[in-house]
Amino acid sequence: MLAFCRDCLTCFPEGRRCPSCHSPRVVADAELFDLSIAHMDCDAFYASVEKRDNPDLRDKPVIVGGGQRGVVTTACYIARIHGVRSAMPMFKALKLCPEAVIVKPRFDAYSAASREIRAMMEDLTPAIEPLSLDEAFMDLTGTARLHGAPPAVMLAKLLGRMEKELRLSGSVGLSHNKFLAKIASDLDKPRGFSVISKAATEGFLRGKPVSIIWGVGAAMRGQLERVGIATIDDLKRWDQADLVARFGAMGSRLWHLARGQDTRRVAPDREVKSISKETTFTTDLHDEAALDGHLWRLADQVSARAKAKGLAGRVVTLKLKRADHRILTRRLSLHDPTALADVIYRSARPLLAQAMAAAPFRLIGVGISDLTEDQGAGFRADLLDPDAARRAEAERAMDRLRARFGPQSVVKGRSLR
């Protein structure tokens, strides 16, 4: 059995403590130095950035999100102990943790921290597939000769650099494919390092609920349970052909993942095809005014991400999930691509009004696609909306103020709904 110390990086035969520094933070597995597919997920990323930048918050429960009628974007681990979760309505979060400090999101700060972490990853390997600002896959195959150490040790070194240089922590999952690496990264949060080897794959998956499979949400879980599939073991009793006949292409994916098989490669050059944001409600919403408030906040967040990437979209998409888990998708193609929150919101708002007959909804999302480089889209004169250029200029002015004085220096009234 091979082992290494996450604190001093000493490699040694299996043991409970490091023989060099006596740290108990030891990782051990027979295949430890052969595995090279990793998933790194920052710990409560937004909240951690807020605590780093404001030391007064260090020992306090912190919730990043909207106002009293908003929702939780993320929460630190102290708040999570009280039951606070992402996408939870703020009023419910404050009932669970009334002493929590509410902080408005600062996406510019999160993007800056994300870029610094990405630079550290690139010191290890060029094969990086980002999933969001705070998580990414990495393929470190063949890097041991370059670094003079196996991938596992270099990943521990990455986590150490993040804590020392950026004062941010992360958790790593290391395995032989992306599916298992992502599962592993969530096993020992925060500051975790978990391994799922080839030899351990079958035993690890045995008895696990089907919800452990990435992409199996509440709706898919319901479909599986209706045919008697609740666990990985239930899934493995089905023939591949029967699963495909019942669930289409998803059936084939389920058959392979239930056996720990995933041939997807880490795709570092994957082009960003869309930018979107969504939120799920604890209770289904029928109130159009409340939905409108959520729609504006999501449009503002999508706009911030698009502007940070220098992108604009020609298609605006509204996503709604009904109480019965059916998903409604509505799209509107624009004459010119945009990154403006005002345009995204005003394009999606009529789509929401048209869909209200299908309410209540348990989820709302908005996004832009057909992306191109943002060249100040939104300033073009519009004969049908003569105030569009004025609103665009006002939004750009707000962006400049936010960049100088902080993201909450200027807010719109509709964001308080």
Protein backbone atom coordinates (compact mmCIF):
# COMPACT_ATOMS: atom_id res chain seq x y z
CA MET A 1 0.00 0.00 0.00
CA LEU A 2 1.34 3.42 -1.00
CA ALA A 3 0.82 6.57 1.03
CA PHE A 4 1.88 10.19 1.23
CA CYS A 5 1.46 13.07 3.64
CA ARG A 6 -0.67 15.96 2.45
CA ASP A 7 1.20 18.40 4.69
CA CYS A 8 4.88 17.67 4.02
CA LEU A 9 4.38 15.54 0.85
CA THR A 10 6.54 12.70 2.19
CA CYS A 11 5.86 9.35 0.47
CA PHE A 12 5.98 6.19 2.60
CA PRO A 13 4.40 2.75 3.12
CA GLU A 14 0.89 2.80 4.55
CA GLY A 15 0.51 4.24 8.02
CA ARG A 16 -1.91 6.29 10.09
CA ARG A 17 0.50 9.20 10.54
CA CYS A 18 3.32 10.70 8.54
CA PRO A 19 6.69 9.36 9.78
CA SER A 20 8.31 12.74 9.03
CA CYS A 21 5.94 15.38 10.43
CA HIS A 22 3.47 13.09 12.29
CA SER A 23 0.49 14.66 10.50
CA PRO A 24 -2.66 12.50 10.37
CA ARG A 25 -3.53 13.92 6.93
CA VAL A 26 -2.40 10.81 5.07
CA VAL A 27 -3.70 9.51 1.73
CA ALA A 28 -3.18 5.82 0.99
CA ASP A 29 -4.16 3.41 -1.79
CA ALA A 30 -2.46 0.61 -3.72
CA GLU A 31 -3.07 2.51 -6.97
CA LEU A 32 -2.40 5.95 -5.51
CA PHE A 33 0.50 6.83 -7.79
CA ASP A 34 -1.08 5.36 -10.94
CA LEU A 35 -4.27 7.48 -11.02
CA SER A 36 -4.26 10.71 -13.01
CA ILE A 37 -7.83 12.01 -13.56
CA ALA A 38 -8.77 14.59 -10.94
CA HIS A 39 -11.63 16.90 -10.03
CA MET A 40 -10.87 19.92 -7.86
CA ASP A 41 -13.73 21.76 -6.17
CA CYS A 42 -13.17 24.87 -4.05
CA ASP A 43 -14.75 24.80 -0.60
CA ALA A 44 -17.74 27.16 -0.26
CA PHE A 45 -15.92 29.32 -2.78
CA TYR A 46 -17.88 32.59 -2.74
CA ALA A 47 -18.19 32.59 1.05
CA SER A 48 -14.51 31.71 1.42
CA VAL A 49 -13.49 34.67 -0.75
CA GLU A 50 -15.67 36.95 1.39
CA LYS A 51 -14.07 35.66 4.61
CA ARG A 52 -10.60 36.02 3.16
CA ASP A 53 -11.23 39.62 2.10
CA ASN A 54 -12.95 40.55 5.37
CA PRO A 55 -11.24 38.94 8.39
CA ASP A 56 -14.09 40.10 10.66
CA LEU A 57 -16.23 37.38 9.02
CA ARG A 58 -13.79 34.54 9.69
CA ASP A 59 -15.61 32.90 12.63
CA LYS A 60 -19.13 33.95 11.65
CA PRO A 61 -21.79 32.12 9.62
CA VAL A 62 -21.76 33.80 6.19
CA ILE A 63 -24.44 33.59 3.52
CA VAL A 64 -23.77 34.98 0.06
CA GLY A 65 -26.99 35.92 -1.71
CA GLY A 66 -29.82 38.37 -2.24
CA GLY A 67 -31.82 40.43 0.20
CA GLN A 68 -34.58 39.33 2.54
CA ARG A 69 -36.66 38.07 -0.41
CA GLY A 70 -33.72 36.70 -2.37
CA VAL A 71 -32.11 33.26 -2.33
CA VAL A 72 -28.88 31.76 -1.02
CA THR A 73 -26.09 31.69 -3.61
CA THR A 74 -23.76 29.82 -1.28
CA ALA A 75 -23.11 29.49 2.45
CA CYS A 76 -20.01 28.86 4.51
CA TYR A 77 -19.70 25.62 6.45
CA ILE A 78 -20.68 27.26 9.73
CA ALA A 79 -24.02 28.26 8.19
CA ARG A 80 -24.39 24.82 6.60
CA ILE A 81 -24.24 23.22 10.04
CA HIS A 82 -27.50 25.07 10.75
CA GLY A 83 -29.07 23.58 7.61
CA VAL A 84 -28.54 26.49 5.19
CA ARG A 85 -28.19 25.34 1.57
CA SER A 86 -27.69 26.90 -1.84
CA ALA A 87 -30.87 28.06 -3.64
CA MET A 88 -32.76 28.20 -0.32
CA PRO A 89 -35.02 31.26 0.10
CA MET A 90 -33.27 33.84 2.24
CA PHE A 91 -36.11 34.09 4.75
CA LYS A 92 -35.86 30.36 5.43
CA ALA A 93 -32.06 30.52 5.73
CA LEU A 94 -32.35 33.31 8.29
CA LYS A 95 -34.86 31.31 10.32
CA LEU A 96 -32.38 28.44 10.46
CA CYS A 97 -29.41 30.72 11.16
CA PRO A 98 -30.61 34.15 12.39
CA GLU A 99 -27.09 35.21 13.37
CA ALA A 100 -25.79 34.80 9.80
CA VAL A 101 -24.09 37.69 8.03
CA ILE A 102 -25.60 38.29 4.58
CA VAL A 103 -23.16 39.36 1.88
CA LYS A 104 -24.12 40.41 -1.63
CA PRO A 105 -22.25 38.51 -4.38
CA ARG A 106 -19.07 40.08 -5.80
CA PHE A 107 -18.55 38.20 -9.04
CA ASP A 108 -15.55 40.30 -10.05
CA ALA A 109 -13.73 39.17 -6.92
CA TYR A 110 -14.72 35.53 -7.49
CA SER A 111 -13.59 35.67 -11.13
CA ALA A 112 -10.23 37.15 -10.10
CA ALA A 113 -9.67 34.38 -7.53
CA SER A 114 -10.72 31.77 -10.09
CA ARG A 115 -8.13 33.04 -12.56
CA GLU A 116 -5.40 32.77 -9.92
CA ILE A 117 -6.39 29.17 -9.16
CA ARG A 118 -6.50 28.36 -12.87
CA ALA A 119 -2.94 29.66 -13.25
CA MET A 120 -1.82 27.30 -10.49
CA MET A 121 -3.54 24.39 -12.25
CA GLU A 122 -1.76 25.26 -15.48
CA ASP A 123 1.55 24.82 -13.67
CA LEU A 124 0.56 21.14 -13.32
CA THR A 125 -1.04 20.35 -16.67
CA PRO A 126 -2.51 22.04 -19.76
CA ALA A 127 -5.37 19.50 -19.74
CA ILE A 128 -7.88 21.46 -17.65
CA GLU A 129 -11.65 21.41 -18.19
CA PRO A 130 -13.33 24.12 -16.11
CA LEU A 131 -16.94 23.48 -15.08
CA SER A 132 -17.50 26.77 -13.27
CA LEU A 133 -15.52 29.45 -11.45
CA ASP A 134 -14.78 27.07 -8.57
CA GLU A 135 -14.34 23.60 -10.05
CA ALA A 136 -12.50 21.85 -12.86
CA PHE A 137 -11.33 18.49 -14.15
CA MET A 138 -7.62 17.90 -14.70
CA ASP A 139 -5.79 15.14 -16.58
CA LEU A 140 -2.27 14.70 -15.24
CA THR A 141 -1.42 11.64 -17.33
CA GLY A 142 2.28 11.62 -18.20
CA THR A 143 3.20 14.55 -15.92
CA ALA A 144 5.15 12.55 -13.31
CA ARG A 145 8.38 12.72 -15.30
CA LEU A 146 8.02 16.48 -15.78
CA HIS A 147 7.36 17.22 -12.11
CA GLY A 148 9.41 14.45 -10.56
CA ALA A 149 6.39 13.37 -8.52
CA PRO A 150 3.15 11.46 -9.22
CA PRO A 151 -0.12 13.32 -9.88
CA ALA A 152 -1.45 12.66 -6.37
CA VAL A 153 1.46 14.48 -4.75
CA MET A 154 1.26 17.39 -7.21
CA LEU A 155 -2.46 17.79 -6.50
CA ALA A 156 -1.78 17.97 -2.77
CA LYS A 157 0.87 20.57 -3.54
CA LEU A 158 -1.74 22.55 -5.50
CA LEU A 159 -4.10 22.57 -2.51
CA GLY A 160 -1.24 23.70 -0.29
CA ARG A 161 -0.39 26.56 -2.66
CA MET A 162 -4.02 27.68 -2.73
CA GLU A 163 -4.13 27.85 1.06
CA LYS A 164 -0.75 29.53 1.46
CA GLU A 165 -0.85 32.03 -1.42
CA LEU A 166 -4.58 32.68 -1.87
CA ARG A 167 -5.93 31.69 1.56
CA LEU A 168 -8.59 29.55 -0.13
CA SER A 169 -9.15 25.83 0.30
CA GLY A 170 -10.29 23.12 -2.05
CA SER A 171 -11.06 19.41 -2.16
CA VAL A 172 -9.68 16.92 -4.68
CA GLY A 173 -11.07 13.68 -6.02
CA LEU A 174 -8.59 11.39 -7.80
CA SER A 175 -9.64 8.38 -9.85
CA HIS A 176 -9.36 6.63 -13.21
CA ASN A 177 -12.20 8.58 -14.90
CA LYS A 178 -14.17 11.83 -14.66
CA PHE A 179 -17.35 10.30 -13.21
CA LEU A 180 -15.59 8.84 -10.19
CA ALA A 181 -13.19 11.76 -9.73
CA LYS A 182 -16.13 14.16 -9.37
CA ILE A 183 -17.83 11.89 -6.83
CA ALA A 184 -14.58 11.54 -4.89
CA SER A 185 -14.04 15.29 -4.57
CA ASP A 186 -17.25 15.56 -2.54
CA LEU A 187 -16.53 12.71 -0.11
CA ASP A 188 -14.39 14.54 2.44
CA LYS A 189 -15.19 18.26 2.23
CA PRO A 190 -13.80 20.67 3.23
CA ARG A 191 -10.04 20.36 2.60
CA GLY A 192 -10.55 16.83 1.40
CA PHE A 193 -8.51 14.45 -0.74
CA SER A 194 -10.27 11.22 -1.71
CA VAL A 195 -9.28 8.39 -4.02
CA ILE A 196 -11.42 5.84 -5.86
CA SER A 197 -9.14 3.28 -7.49
CA LYS A 198 -10.04 0.77 -10.19
CA ALA A 199 -9.94 -2.06 -7.69
CA ALA A 200 -12.23 -0.21 -5.28
CA THR A 201 -14.76 0.99 -7.88
CA GLU A 202 -17.24 -1.88 -7.70
CA GLY A 203 -17.25 -1.99 -3.91
CA PHE A 204 -17.59 1.78 -3.65
CA LEU A 205 -20.63 1.92 -5.95
CA ARG A 206 -22.35 -1.07 -4.36
CA GLY A 207 -25.56 -0.03 -2.61
CA LYS A 208 -25.23 3.65 -3.52
CA PRO A 209 -28.42 5.51 -4.56
CA VAL A 210 -28.82 6.26 -8.28
CA SER A 211 -28.75 9.96 -7.40
CA ILE A 212 -24.95 9.62 -7.05
CA ILE A 213 -24.81 9.54 -10.85
CA TRP A 214 -24.06 12.95 -12.25
CA GLY A 215 -27.16 14.14 -14.16
CA VAL A 216 -29.72 12.02 -12.30
CA GLY A 217 -31.90 14.70 -10.74
CA ALA A 218 -35.29 14.48 -9.08
CA ALA A 219 -37.19 13.95 -12.35
CA MET A 220 -34.91 11.17 -13.62
CA ARG A 221 -34.80 9.58 -10.17
CA GLY A 222 -38.60 9.45 -10.19
CA GLN A 223 -38.63 7.71 -13.57
CA LEU A 224 -36.13 5.14 -12.36
CA GLU A 225 -37.95 4.50 -9.11
CA ARG A 226 -41.19 3.86 -11.01
CA VAL A 227 -39.54 0.84 -12.64
CA GLY A 228 -37.95 -0.36 -9.40
CA ILE A 229 -34.49 1.23 -9.73
CA ALA A 230 -33.41 3.02 -6.57
CA THR A 231 -29.78 1.94 -6.19
CA ILE A 232 -26.77 1.18 -8.35
CA ASP A 233 -27.37 -2.51 -7.62
CA ASP A 234 -30.90 -2.25 -9.03
CA LEU A 235 -29.52 -0.56 -12.13
CA LYS A 236 -26.91 -3.28 -12.70
CA ARG A 237 -29.62 -5.93 -12.83
CA TRP A 238 -30.96 -4.41 -16.06
CA ASP A 239 -29.59 -5.36 -19.47
CA GLN A 240 -28.13 -2.50 -21.46
CA ALA A 241 -30.58 -3.03 -24.31
CA ASP A 242 -33.56 -2.82 -21.93
CA LEU A 243 -32.28 0.41 -20.38
CA VAL A 244 -31.78 1.95 -23.82
CA ALA A 245 -35.26 0.86 -24.90
CA ARG A 246 -36.73 2.46 -21.78
CA PHE A 247 -34.59 5.59 -21.39
CA GLY A 248 -32.91 6.13 -24.77
CA ALA A 249 -29.31 7.37 -24.85
CA MET A 250 -29.50 8.03 -21.10
CA GLY A 251 -30.07 4.30 -20.59
CA SER A 252 -26.70 3.47 -22.15
CA ARG A 253 -25.01 6.11 -20.01
CA LEU A 254 -26.63 4.70 -16.86
CA TRP A 255 -25.52 1.15 -17.72
CA HIS A 256 -21.88 2.19 -18.07
CA LEU A 257 -21.72 4.55 -15.11
CA ALA A 258 -23.32 1.96 -12.81
CA ARG A 259 -20.21 -0.10 -13.54
CA GLY A 260 -17.86 2.82 -13.02
CA GLN A 261 -17.14 3.11 -16.75
CA ASP A 262 -16.66 6.58 -18.23
CA THR A 263 -14.66 7.13 -21.42
CA ARG A 264 -15.11 10.91 -21.60
CA ARG A 265 -11.82 12.75 -21.94
CA VAL A 266 -10.87 15.90 -20.07
CA ALA A 267 -11.60 18.52 -22.74
CA PRO A 268 -9.39 21.59 -22.19
CA ASP A 269 -10.37 23.26 -25.45
CA ARG A 270 -14.11 22.97 -24.98
CA GLU A 271 -15.67 26.14 -26.33
CA VAL A 272 -18.12 28.01 -24.15
CA LYS A 273 -21.45 27.62 -25.96
CA SER A 274 -23.74 29.30 -23.47
CA ILE A 275 -23.84 31.23 -20.20
CA SER A 276 -26.74 30.56 -17.88
CA LYS A 277 -27.89 30.75 -14.30
CA GLU A 278 -30.84 29.11 -12.57
CA THR A 279 -32.34 28.76 -9.12
CA THR A 280 -34.57 26.09 -7.57
CA PHE A 281 -37.25 27.03 -5.04
CA THR A 282 -37.97 25.11 -1.87
CA THR A 283 -41.70 25.57 -2.52
CA ASP A 284 -43.27 25.99 -5.96
CA LEU A 285 -43.89 29.61 -6.97
CA HIS A 286 -47.04 30.94 -8.66
CA ASP A 287 -46.52 34.63 -7.88
CA GLU A 288 -45.49 36.37 -11.12
CA ALA A 289 -43.99 39.34 -9.26
CA ALA A 290 -41.74 37.04 -7.21
CA LEU A 291 -40.72 35.16 -10.34
CA ASP A 292 -39.99 38.48 -12.02
CA GLY A 293 -37.60 39.41 -9.20
CA HIS A 294 -35.76 36.11 -9.59
CA LEU A 295 -35.63 36.62 -13.36
CA TRP A 296 -33.97 40.02 -13.01
CA ARG A 297 -31.36 38.76 -10.53
CA LEU A 298 -30.52 35.82 -12.79
CA ALA A 299 -30.28 38.09 -15.85
CA ASP A 300 -27.94 40.38 -13.91
CA GLN A 301 -25.72 37.43 -12.93
CA VAL A 302 -25.63 36.08 -16.50
CA SER A 303 -24.75 39.56 -17.70
CA ALA A 304 -21.91 39.83 -15.16
CA ARG A 305 -20.44 36.50 -16.26
CA ALA A 306 -20.73 37.37 -19.94
CA LYS A 307 -19.05 40.75 -19.42
CA ALA A 308 -16.25 39.14 -17.40
CA LYS A 309 -15.58 36.76 -20.32
CA GLY A 310 -15.98 39.47 -22.96
CA LEU A 311 -18.84 37.59 -24.62
CA ALA A 312 -22.31 38.45 -25.88
CA GLY A 313 -25.20 36.20 -26.94
CA ARG A 314 -27.65 36.38 -29.79
CA VAL A 315 -30.21 33.98 -28.26
CA VAL A 316 -31.91 34.46 -24.89
CA THR A 317 -33.35 31.32 -23.27
CA LEU A 318 -35.85 31.04 -20.42
CA LYS A 319 -36.02 27.74 -18.54
CA LEU A 320 -38.87 26.80 -16.21
CA LYS A 321 -39.49 23.56 -14.34
CA ARG A 322 -43.10 22.83 -13.44
CA ALA A 323 -44.34 21.24 -10.24
CA ASP A 324 -44.54 17.88 -12.07
CA HIS A 325 -40.82 18.27 -13.05
CA ARG A 326 -41.61 18.88 -16.71
CA ILE A 327 -39.23 21.44 -18.17
CA LEU A 328 -40.43 24.31 -20.36
CA THR A 329 -37.85 26.08 -22.53
CA ARG A 330 -38.56 29.27 -24.45
CA ARG A 331 -36.06 31.07 -26.72
CA LEU A 332 -35.88 34.44 -28.39
CA SER A 333 -33.35 35.36 -31.10
CA LEU A 334 -32.08 38.94 -30.99
CA HIS A 335 -31.17 41.19 -33.88
CA ASP A 336 -27.78 41.90 -32.24
CA PRO A 337 -25.83 39.91 -29.62
CA THR A 338 -25.93 41.33 -26.11
CA ALA A 339 -24.29 41.06 -22.71
CA LEU A 340 -26.57 43.66 -21.14
CA ALA A 341 -28.69 42.63 -18.16
CA ASP A 342 -31.44 45.01 -19.30
CA VAL A 343 -31.71 43.37 -22.73
CA ILE A 344 -31.52 39.83 -21.34
CA TYR A 345 -34.24 40.59 -18.79
CA ARG A 346 -36.52 42.43 -21.22
CA SER A 347 -36.19 39.60 -23.73
CA ALA A 348 -37.00 36.88 -21.18
CA ARG A 349 -39.79 38.77 -19.38
CA PRO A 350 -42.46 38.31 -22.12
CA LEU A 351 -41.49 34.63 -22.35
CA LEU A 352 -42.22 34.29 -18.62
CA ALA A 353 -45.58 36.07 -18.98
CA GLN A 354 -46.59 33.71 -21.78
CA ALA A 355 -45.66 30.67 -19.69
CA MET A 356 -47.51 31.69 -16.50
CA ALA A 357 -50.49 29.51 -17.43
CA ALA A 358 -48.27 26.51 -16.64
CA ALA A 359 -47.37 27.80 -13.14
CA PRO A 360 -46.52 27.02 -10.39
CA PHE A 361 -42.80 26.55 -11.05
CA ARG A 362 -40.09 24.95 -8.92
CA LEU A 363 -37.17 26.34 -10.94
CA ILE A 364 -36.42 29.33 -13.15
CA GLY A 365 -33.33 29.92 -15.25
CA VAL A 366 -32.13 32.30 -17.93
CA GLY A 367 -29.21 32.16 -20.32
CA ILE A 368 -27.65 33.42 -23.51
CA SER A 369 -26.20 31.36 -26.36
CA ASP A 370 -24.92 31.73 -29.92
CA LEU A 371 -22.02 33.55 -28.30
CA THR A 372 -19.66 35.99 -29.94
CA GLU A 373 -17.12 38.56 -28.81
CA ASP A 374 -18.79 41.45 -27.00
CA GLN A 375 -18.16 44.65 -28.92
CA GLY A 376 -20.37 46.93 -26.90
CA ALA A 377 -23.60 45.34 -28.13
CA GLY A 378 -26.68 47.19 -26.99
CA PHE A 379 -25.86 50.67 -28.23
CA ARG A 380 -27.43 50.15 -31.65
CA ALA A 381 -30.43 52.41 -32.24
CA ASP A 382 -33.78 50.63 -32.02
CA LEU A 383 -36.74 52.36 -33.68
CA LEU A 384 -39.18 50.18 -31.69
CA ASP A 385 -37.50 51.04 -28.38
CA PRO A 386 -35.99 54.53 -28.54
CA ASP A 387 -34.89 54.33 -24.87
CA ALA A 388 -32.79 51.19 -25.42
CA ALA A 389 -29.56 53.07 -26.12
CA ARG A 390 -30.07 55.29 -23.06
CA ARG A 391 -30.61 52.24 -20.82
CA ALA A 392 -27.54 50.58 -22.31
CA GLU A 393 -25.40 53.62 -21.57
CA ALA A 394 -26.83 53.76 -18.04
CA GLU A 395 -25.95 50.10 -17.48
CA ARG A 396 -22.40 50.61 -18.69
CA ALA A 397 -22.13 53.56 -16.30
CA MET A 398 -23.39 51.30 -13.47
CA ASP A 399 -20.73 48.74 -14.42
CA ARG A 400 -18.02 51.38 -14.11
CA LEU A 401 -19.31 52.45 -10.70
CA ARG A 402 -19.49 48.85 -9.50
CA ALA A 403 -15.96 48.20 -10.72
CA ARG A 404 -14.74 51.20 -8.74
CA PHE A 405 -16.86 51.11 -5.58
CA GLY A 406 -18.07 47.49 -5.38
CA PRO A 407 -20.92 45.44 -6.88
CA GLN A 408 -23.52 46.75 -4.40
CA SER A 409 -22.73 50.42 -4.91
CA VAL A 410 -25.57 50.61 -7.46
CA VAL A 411 -28.66 48.38 -7.44
CA LYS A 412 -31.98 48.47 -9.25
CA GLY A 413 -35.28 48.47 -7.40
CA ARG A 414 -36.53 45.35 -9.11
CA SER A 415 -33.61 43.40 -7.60
CA LEU A 416 -35.31 43.81 -4.18
CA ARG A 417 -38.46 41.92 -5.18
